């Protein structure tokens, strides 16, 4: 496994490449071209510029998160062909630049949802939190305003203002889209991009729904093991795989993360490993990566990844806000650095135990 950290670029991230390089065991970043609007082509020149910047910082690009998918593709309207063609061109340019991993999601309207971006814990740190009772009382367009106010001035991934300024129109667009139609549109998209992915050895790693159940009555098709296996079978090709996100799959306590890992053996291309704590159905807080700080067993998750011989990039995911740091919620330096070190420690222990 290669330990990485998500990085949003020098214009958008409070964390620098110099700081990331100083985290023991972290050798690469998962990054993106944050300024390119959804649906537009990533030029080869822009990709090389990003790659050169990361390399100058002493790191490498281990993958892209995300090349976001235009809603026309998810809904399946005729305009999708133009946007799929643009996506294919972007993938071709990434392949030419020797970048071979793309994490993406197929969630309608909102890439992820939280009711609180800075819930105070007993130790004084703050975390991202979800409470279905609170979400049920919020109108979708008001949720965006609430998220924006609590973003510490950062543009959050999946909550870009230019797209979410049209929340009402987006909900109208998805009015006739159910789970089956959304799934069919995903399969169509994957089959269209398959030739370019196979030509350039690009692995597409779908991210699970976050949280793992319907929000605002929007369809959800990547909630659990059954959904994951269904997609892997529907497009049964090596390029089509998963981002194993323990936090997103783990949002539903009925999901067994280790079972999902074993069910997707050989088709996990990327891993987000983080912890959370369940309070009640539909209510959870994110936590420190340490197993005993939450409801998930980080040792067992890392061991399952090791046992299925996963050798791709892994990164600590959302961290707490600690030590007075002001950063993009979930994406500060300090707690993610602690998480990366903790996960590397678990991996070292697992590897050495296996050799005995």
Protein backbone atom coordinates (compact mmCIF):
# COMPACT_ATOMS: atom_id res chain seq x y z
CA UNK A 1 0.00 0.00 0.00
CA UNK A 2 1.09 3.54 -0.68
CA UNK A 3 0.20 6.08 2.02
CA UNK A 4 -1.08 9.33 0.56
CA UNK A 5 -2.91 12.49 1.57
CA UNK A 6 -5.64 14.33 -0.29
CA UNK A 7 -4.47 17.73 -1.52
CA UNK A 8 -6.67 20.34 -3.19
CA UNK A 9 -3.93 22.40 -4.81
CA UNK A 10 -1.93 25.42 -3.71
CA UNK A 11 -4.76 27.85 -4.50
CA UNK A 12 -7.37 26.05 -2.42
CA UNK A 13 -5.68 24.07 0.35
CA UNK A 14 -4.38 25.34 3.69
CA UNK A 15 -1.99 22.38 3.73
CA UNK A 16 1.22 22.65 1.71
CA UNK A 17 3.16 20.00 -0.18
CA UNK A 18 6.13 20.75 2.08
CA UNK A 19 4.03 19.84 5.13
CA UNK A 20 2.67 16.68 3.53
CA UNK A 21 6.18 15.55 2.61
CA UNK A 22 7.17 15.74 6.28
CA UNK A 23 4.53 13.22 7.40
CA UNK A 24 6.43 9.95 7.91
CA UNK A 25 5.58 7.36 5.29
CA UNK A 26 3.50 9.63 3.04
CA UNK A 27 4.93 9.56 -0.48
CA UNK A 28 2.13 10.85 -2.68
CA UNK A 29 -0.98 12.98 -2.95
CA UNK A 30 -4.47 12.41 -4.28
CA UNK A 31 -5.35 15.64 -6.01
CA UNK A 32 -7.51 17.33 -8.62
CA UNK A 33 -7.83 20.34 -10.90
CA UNK A 34 -10.21 22.17 -8.60
CA UNK A 35 -10.71 25.15 -10.90
CA UNK A 36 -12.01 23.23 -13.92
CA UNK A 37 -15.84 23.32 -13.99
CA UNK A 38 -17.67 19.99 -13.95
CA UNK A 39 -18.01 18.61 -17.45
CA UNK A 40 -15.16 20.53 -19.06
CA UNK A 41 -12.01 18.90 -20.45
CA UNK A 42 -8.82 18.76 -18.39
CA UNK A 43 -6.10 19.81 -20.82
CA UNK A 44 -2.81 17.98 -20.99
CA UNK A 45 -1.03 21.26 -20.27
CA UNK A 46 -2.99 21.79 -17.04
CA UNK A 47 -2.37 18.21 -15.92
CA UNK A 48 1.37 18.47 -16.55
CA UNK A 49 1.50 21.77 -14.67
CA UNK A 50 -0.14 20.13 -11.64
CA UNK A 51 2.12 17.11 -11.89
CA UNK A 52 5.24 19.28 -12.10
CA UNK A 53 4.16 21.25 -9.02
CA UNK A 54 3.65 18.08 -6.99
CA UNK A 55 6.94 16.61 -8.17
CA UNK A 56 8.77 19.84 -7.28
CA UNK A 57 7.37 19.40 -3.79
CA UNK A 58 9.07 16.01 -3.50
CA UNK A 59 5.91 13.93 -3.95
CA UNK A 60 4.02 12.17 -6.72
CA UNK A 61 0.42 12.14 -7.87
CA UNK A 62 -0.90 8.73 -6.83
CA UNK A 63 -4.38 9.39 -8.19
CA UNK A 64 -7.09 11.90 -8.99
CA UNK A 65 -10.07 12.62 -6.74
CA UNK A 66 -12.16 13.59 -8.56
CA UNK A 67 -12.93 14.12 -12.20
CA UNK A 68 -16.50 15.01 -11.32
CA UNK A 69 -19.32 13.62 -13.44
CA UNK A 70 -21.83 16.02 -14.96
CA UNK A 71 -25.44 15.60 -13.87
CA UNK A 72 -26.49 15.08 -17.50
CA UNK A 73 -24.59 11.78 -17.41
CA UNK A 74 -26.20 10.70 -14.15
CA UNK A 75 -29.69 11.62 -15.31
CA UNK A 76 -29.18 10.16 -18.79
CA UNK A 77 -30.45 13.06 -20.90
CA UNK A 78 -29.19 13.46 -24.51
CA UNK A 79 -26.58 16.06 -23.48
CA UNK A 80 -24.71 13.31 -21.68
CA UNK A 81 -22.95 12.29 -24.89
CA UNK A 82 -21.09 15.60 -25.06
CA UNK A 83 -20.04 15.34 -21.42
CA UNK A 84 -18.98 11.70 -21.74
CA UNK A 85 -16.87 12.66 -24.76
CA UNK A 86 -15.25 15.40 -22.65
CA UNK A 87 -14.66 12.87 -19.87
CA UNK A 88 -13.00 10.48 -22.32
CA UNK A 89 -10.69 13.27 -23.52
CA UNK A 90 -9.78 14.06 -19.90
CA UNK A 91 -9.01 10.40 -19.20
CA UNK A 92 -6.88 10.22 -22.34
CA UNK A 93 -4.91 13.27 -21.17
CA UNK A 94 -4.45 11.77 -17.70
CA UNK A 95 -3.19 8.56 -19.28
CA UNK A 96 -0.74 10.46 -21.46
CA UNK A 97 0.51 12.16 -18.30
CA UNK A 98 1.07 8.72 -16.69
CA UNK A 99 -1.75 9.09 -14.14
CA UNK A 100 -3.77 5.91 -13.86
CA UNK A 101 -6.26 6.20 -10.99
CA UNK A 102 -9.50 8.19 -10.82
CA UNK A 103 -11.78 8.18 -7.77
CA UNK A 104 -15.29 9.36 -8.62
CA UNK A 105 -18.84 9.10 -7.33
CA UNK A 106 -22.30 8.79 -8.85
CA UNK A 107 -24.33 10.55 -6.14
CA UNK A 108 -27.11 12.89 -7.32
CA UNK A 109 -26.93 16.62 -6.46
CA UNK A 110 -24.85 16.32 -3.25
CA UNK A 111 -21.56 14.39 -3.19
CA UNK A 112 -21.86 14.00 0.59
CA UNK A 113 -24.11 15.35 3.31
CA UNK A 114 -23.52 16.43 6.90
CA UNK A 115 -25.72 18.29 9.36
CA UNK A 116 -22.76 19.87 11.19
CA UNK A 117 -19.23 20.62 10.03
CA UNK A 118 -17.84 21.50 13.46
CA UNK A 119 -19.55 19.54 16.22
CA UNK A 120 -17.70 20.09 19.48
CA UNK A 121 -16.35 17.02 21.26
CA UNK A 122 -15.54 16.67 24.94
CA UNK A 123 -11.82 17.09 24.24
CA UNK A 124 -12.37 20.46 22.52
CA UNK A 125 -11.80 19.21 18.97
CA UNK A 126 -14.55 19.49 16.36
CA UNK A 127 -15.74 16.94 13.82
CA UNK A 128 -18.14 16.48 10.92
CA UNK A 129 -21.44 15.05 12.12
CA UNK A 130 -24.67 13.65 10.66
CA UNK A 131 -28.11 13.66 12.27
CA UNK A 132 -31.00 12.51 10.08
CA UNK A 133 -33.53 14.26 12.32
CA UNK A 134 -31.81 17.59 11.62
CA UNK A 135 -31.48 16.89 7.88
CA UNK A 136 -35.20 16.11 7.67
CA UNK A 137 -35.98 19.62 8.94
CA UNK A 138 -33.82 21.40 6.36
CA UNK A 139 -34.79 22.35 2.81
CA UNK A 140 -32.02 21.31 0.38
CA UNK A 141 -31.20 24.83 -0.78
CA UNK A 142 -30.96 26.01 2.83
CA UNK A 143 -28.59 23.15 3.62
CA UNK A 144 -26.18 24.53 1.03
CA UNK A 145 -26.28 27.96 2.68
CA UNK A 146 -25.65 26.36 6.07
CA UNK A 147 -22.70 24.33 4.74
CA UNK A 148 -21.25 27.39 3.01
CA UNK A 149 -21.41 29.50 6.18
CA UNK A 150 -19.52 26.84 8.16
CA UNK A 151 -16.87 26.07 5.55
CA UNK A 152 -14.16 28.34 7.06
CA UNK A 153 -14.09 30.18 3.73
CA UNK A 154 -13.09 27.13 1.68
CA UNK A 155 -14.94 25.72 -1.34
CA UNK A 156 -15.89 22.22 -0.26
CA UNK A 157 -15.62 19.27 -2.67
CA UNK A 158 -19.07 18.42 -4.03
CA UNK A 159 -20.53 21.74 -2.86
CA UNK A 160 -19.26 24.02 -5.62
CA UNK A 161 -21.32 27.26 -5.70
CA UNK A 162 -21.77 27.37 -9.48
CA UNK A 163 -23.51 23.99 -9.43
CA UNK A 164 -25.44 24.27 -6.20
CA UNK A 165 -26.80 27.69 -7.11
CA UNK A 166 -29.26 25.62 -9.14
CA UNK A 167 -30.34 23.15 -6.46
CA UNK A 168 -34.05 23.43 -7.27
CA UNK A 169 -33.42 22.79 -10.97
CA UNK A 170 -31.25 19.80 -10.13
CA UNK A 171 -33.96 18.26 -7.98
CA UNK A 172 -36.41 18.74 -10.83
CA UNK A 173 -33.93 17.09 -13.20
CA UNK A 174 -33.74 13.98 -10.99
CA UNK A 175 -37.51 13.78 -10.43
CA UNK A 176 -37.94 10.77 -12.76
CA UNK A 177 -34.66 9.07 -11.85
CA UNK A 178 -34.94 6.07 -9.54
CA UNK A 179 -32.26 3.63 -8.39
CA UNK A 180 -32.57 1.41 -11.46
CA UNK A 181 -32.32 4.27 -13.92
CA UNK A 182 -29.36 5.77 -12.09
CA UNK A 183 -27.62 2.39 -12.03
CA UNK A 184 -28.28 1.91 -15.75
CA UNK A 185 -26.82 5.33 -16.50
CA UNK A 186 -23.70 4.43 -14.50
CA UNK A 187 -23.25 1.19 -16.44
CA UNK A 188 -23.73 3.09 -19.71
CA UNK A 189 -21.08 5.62 -18.67
CA UNK A 190 -18.59 2.91 -17.70
CA UNK A 191 -19.07 1.03 -20.96
CA UNK A 192 -18.51 4.24 -22.93
CA UNK A 193 -15.25 5.05 -21.15
CA UNK A 194 -14.00 1.46 -21.06
CA UNK A 195 -11.87 1.64 -24.26
CA UNK A 196 -9.87 4.68 -23.13
CA UNK A 197 -9.45 3.26 -19.62
CA UNK A 198 -8.13 -0.02 -20.96
CA UNK A 199 -5.88 1.69 -23.50
CA UNK A 200 -4.20 3.84 -20.83
CA UNK A 201 -4.55 1.38 -17.90
CA UNK A 202 -6.73 3.79 -15.94
CA UNK A 203 -8.52 2.38 -12.91
CA UNK A 204 -11.92 3.90 -12.14
CA UNK A 205 -12.66 3.63 -8.42
CA UNK A 206 -16.24 4.50 -7.49
CA UNK A 207 -16.76 6.04 -4.07
CA UNK A 208 -19.67 4.77 -1.97
CA UNK A 209 -22.66 6.94 -1.12
CA UNK A 210 -22.16 9.21 1.88
CA UNK A 211 -24.16 8.52 3.97
CA UNK A 212 -25.22 5.07 2.82
CA UNK A 213 -28.97 5.66 2.53
CA UNK A 214 -31.31 7.98 0.56
CA UNK A 215 -31.16 11.66 1.50
CA UNK A 216 -33.92 14.05 0.36
CA UNK A 217 -35.47 11.06 -1.47
CA UNK A 218 -32.66 11.06 -4.03
CA UNK A 219 -31.61 7.65 -5.41
CA UNK A 220 -28.64 5.78 -3.91
CA UNK A 221 -26.89 2.91 -5.70
CA UNK A 222 -23.58 2.38 -3.85
CA UNK A 223 -24.70 1.81 -0.28
CA UNK A 224 -23.48 -1.69 0.70
CA UNK A 225 -21.84 -4.95 -0.34
CA UNK A 226 -24.73 -5.96 -2.58
CA UNK A 227 -24.56 -2.69 -4.52
CA UNK A 228 -20.79 -2.95 -4.91
CA UNK A 229 -20.86 -6.55 -6.13
CA UNK A 230 -23.70 -5.76 -8.52
CA UNK A 231 -21.68 -3.00 -10.20
CA UNK A 232 -18.50 -5.09 -10.40
CA UNK A 233 -20.49 -7.86 -12.09
CA UNK A 234 -22.41 -5.51 -14.40
CA UNK A 235 -19.14 -4.19 -15.87
CA UNK A 236 -16.87 -7.12 -15.23
CA UNK A 237 -13.55 -5.58 -16.22
CA UNK A 238 -10.41 -4.78 -14.25
CA UNK A 239 -10.68 -1.03 -14.80
CA UNK A 240 -14.03 -0.93 -12.98
CA UNK A 241 -13.44 -1.03 -9.25
CA UNK A 242 -14.08 0.50 -5.84
CA UNK A 243 -12.82 3.16 -3.56
CA UNK A 244 -13.14 1.31 -0.28
CA UNK A 245 -14.22 4.15 2.03
CA UNK A 246 -14.63 2.78 5.54
CA UNK A 247 -16.37 5.94 6.71
CA UNK A 248 -19.01 6.00 3.97
CA UNK A 249 -19.76 2.28 4.00
CA UNK A 250 -19.44 2.45 7.77
CA UNK A 251 -22.09 5.17 8.07
CA UNK A 252 -24.59 2.31 8.10
CA UNK A 253 -23.75 0.04 11.06
CA UNK A 254 -25.32 -2.89 9.21
CA UNK A 255 -22.42 -2.84 6.74
CA UNK A 256 -19.49 -5.12 7.55
CA UNK A 257 -16.47 -3.34 6.07
CA UNK A 258 -14.25 -6.43 6.09
CA UNK A 259 -16.89 -8.47 4.27
CA UNK A 260 -17.06 -5.79 1.57
CA UNK A 261 -13.27 -5.85 1.23
CA UNK A 262 -13.22 -9.63 0.74
CA UNK A 263 -16.20 -9.53 -1.66
CA UNK A 264 -14.36 -7.00 -3.83
CA UNK A 265 -10.97 -8.72 -3.74
CA UNK A 266 -8.88 -7.69 -6.73
CA UNK A 267 -11.24 -4.84 -7.62
CA UNK A 268 -10.39 -2.36 -4.86
CA UNK A 269 -8.30 0.34 -6.51
CA UNK A 270 -8.14 2.91 -3.71
CA UNK A 271 -8.90 3.06 0.01
CA UNK A 272 -10.09 5.79 2.39
CA UNK A 273 -9.63 4.55 5.95
CA UNK A 274 -11.30 6.58 8.70
CA UNK A 275 -13.34 6.06 11.83
CA UNK A 276 -16.72 7.25 13.09
CA UNK A 277 -18.92 6.65 16.09
CA UNK A 278 -22.58 5.65 15.92
CA UNK A 279 -25.04 7.18 18.39
CA UNK A 280 -28.35 5.93 16.98
CA UNK A 281 -29.79 4.96 13.58
CA UNK A 282 -29.03 7.82 11.22
CA UNK A 283 -26.83 9.63 13.75
CA UNK A 284 -23.04 9.50 13.75
CA UNK A 285 -20.01 11.67 14.39
CA UNK A 286 -16.67 11.33 12.67
CA UNK A 287 -13.84 10.41 15.01
CA UNK A 288 -10.09 10.16 15.32
CA UNK A 289 -8.61 7.28 13.34
CA UNK A 290 -7.76 5.34 16.51
CA UNK A 291 -10.02 2.28 16.76
CA UNK A 292 -11.15 2.88 20.33
CA UNK A 293 -12.18 6.45 19.49
CA UNK A 294 -15.03 5.22 17.29
CA UNK A 295 -17.19 2.30 16.23
CA UNK A 296 -14.94 0.84 13.52
CA UNK A 297 -11.99 -1.51 14.04
CA UNK A 298 -9.14 0.06 12.08
CA UNK A 299 -6.85 -2.90 12.70
CA UNK A 300 -9.33 -5.36 11.18
CA UNK A 301 -9.96 -3.07 8.20
CA UNK A 302 -6.23 -2.65 7.47
CA UNK A 303 -5.68 -6.38 7.95
CA UNK A 304 -8.50 -7.22 5.53
CA UNK A 305 -6.94 -4.93 2.92
CA UNK A 306 -3.59 -6.66 3.52
CA UNK A 307 -5.17 -10.14 3.32
CA UNK A 308 -6.75 -9.45 -0.09
CA UNK A 309 -3.35 -8.17 -1.26
CA UNK A 310 -4.53 -4.63 -1.89
CA UNK A 311 -1.50 -2.69 -3.09
CA UNK A 312 -2.99 0.62 -4.21
CA UNK A 313 -3.02 4.07 -2.63
CA UNK A 314 -4.59 4.47 0.79
CA UNK A 315 -5.20 7.68 2.66
CA UNK A 316 -6.49 8.78 6.02
CA UNK A 317 -9.80 10.45 5.43
CA UNK A 318 -11.61 13.23 7.28
CA UNK A 319 -9.82 14.40 10.37
CA UNK A 320 -10.86 16.30 13.46
CA UNK A 321 -10.08 20.01 13.74
CA UNK A 322 -7.47 20.08 16.54
CA UNK A 323 -4.85 22.38 18.07
CA UNK A 324 -6.56 25.55 16.81
CA UNK A 325 -6.06 24.78 13.14
CA UNK A 326 -8.32 26.63 10.68
CA UNK A 327 -8.74 24.55 7.53
CA UNK A 328 -11.25 23.05 5.16
CA UNK A 329 -13.58 21.04 7.43
CA UNK A 330 -12.29 17.47 7.59
CA UNK A 331 -9.11 18.30 5.70
CA UNK A 332 -6.72 19.95 8.11
CA UNK A 333 -3.11 18.85 8.45
CA UNK A 334 -2.71 17.77 12.05
CA UNK A 335 -5.29 15.06 12.60
CA UNK A 336 -4.84 13.56 9.14
CA UNK A 337 -1.08 13.41 9.78
CA UNK A 338 -1.81 11.55 13.00
CA UNK A 339 -4.13 9.26 11.06
CA UNK A 340 -1.54 8.49 8.38
CA UNK A 341 1.06 7.66 11.04
CA UNK A 342 -1.40 5.45 12.94
CA UNK A 343 -2.43 3.54 9.80
CA UNK A 344 1.21 3.06 8.83
CA UNK A 345 1.88 1.70 12.32
CA UNK A 346 -0.97 -0.78 12.00
CA UNK A 347 0.31 -1.87 8.59
CA UNK A 348 3.85 -2.39 9.89
CA UNK A 349 2.53 -4.56 12.74
CA UNK A 350 0.34 -6.59 10.36
CA UNK A 351 3.20 -7.18 7.93
CA UNK A 352 5.65 -8.22 10.64
CA UNK A 353 3.14 -10.50 12.32
CA UNK A 354 2.45 -12.18 9.00
CA UNK A 355 6.15 -12.88 8.43
CA UNK A 356 6.58 -14.68 11.75
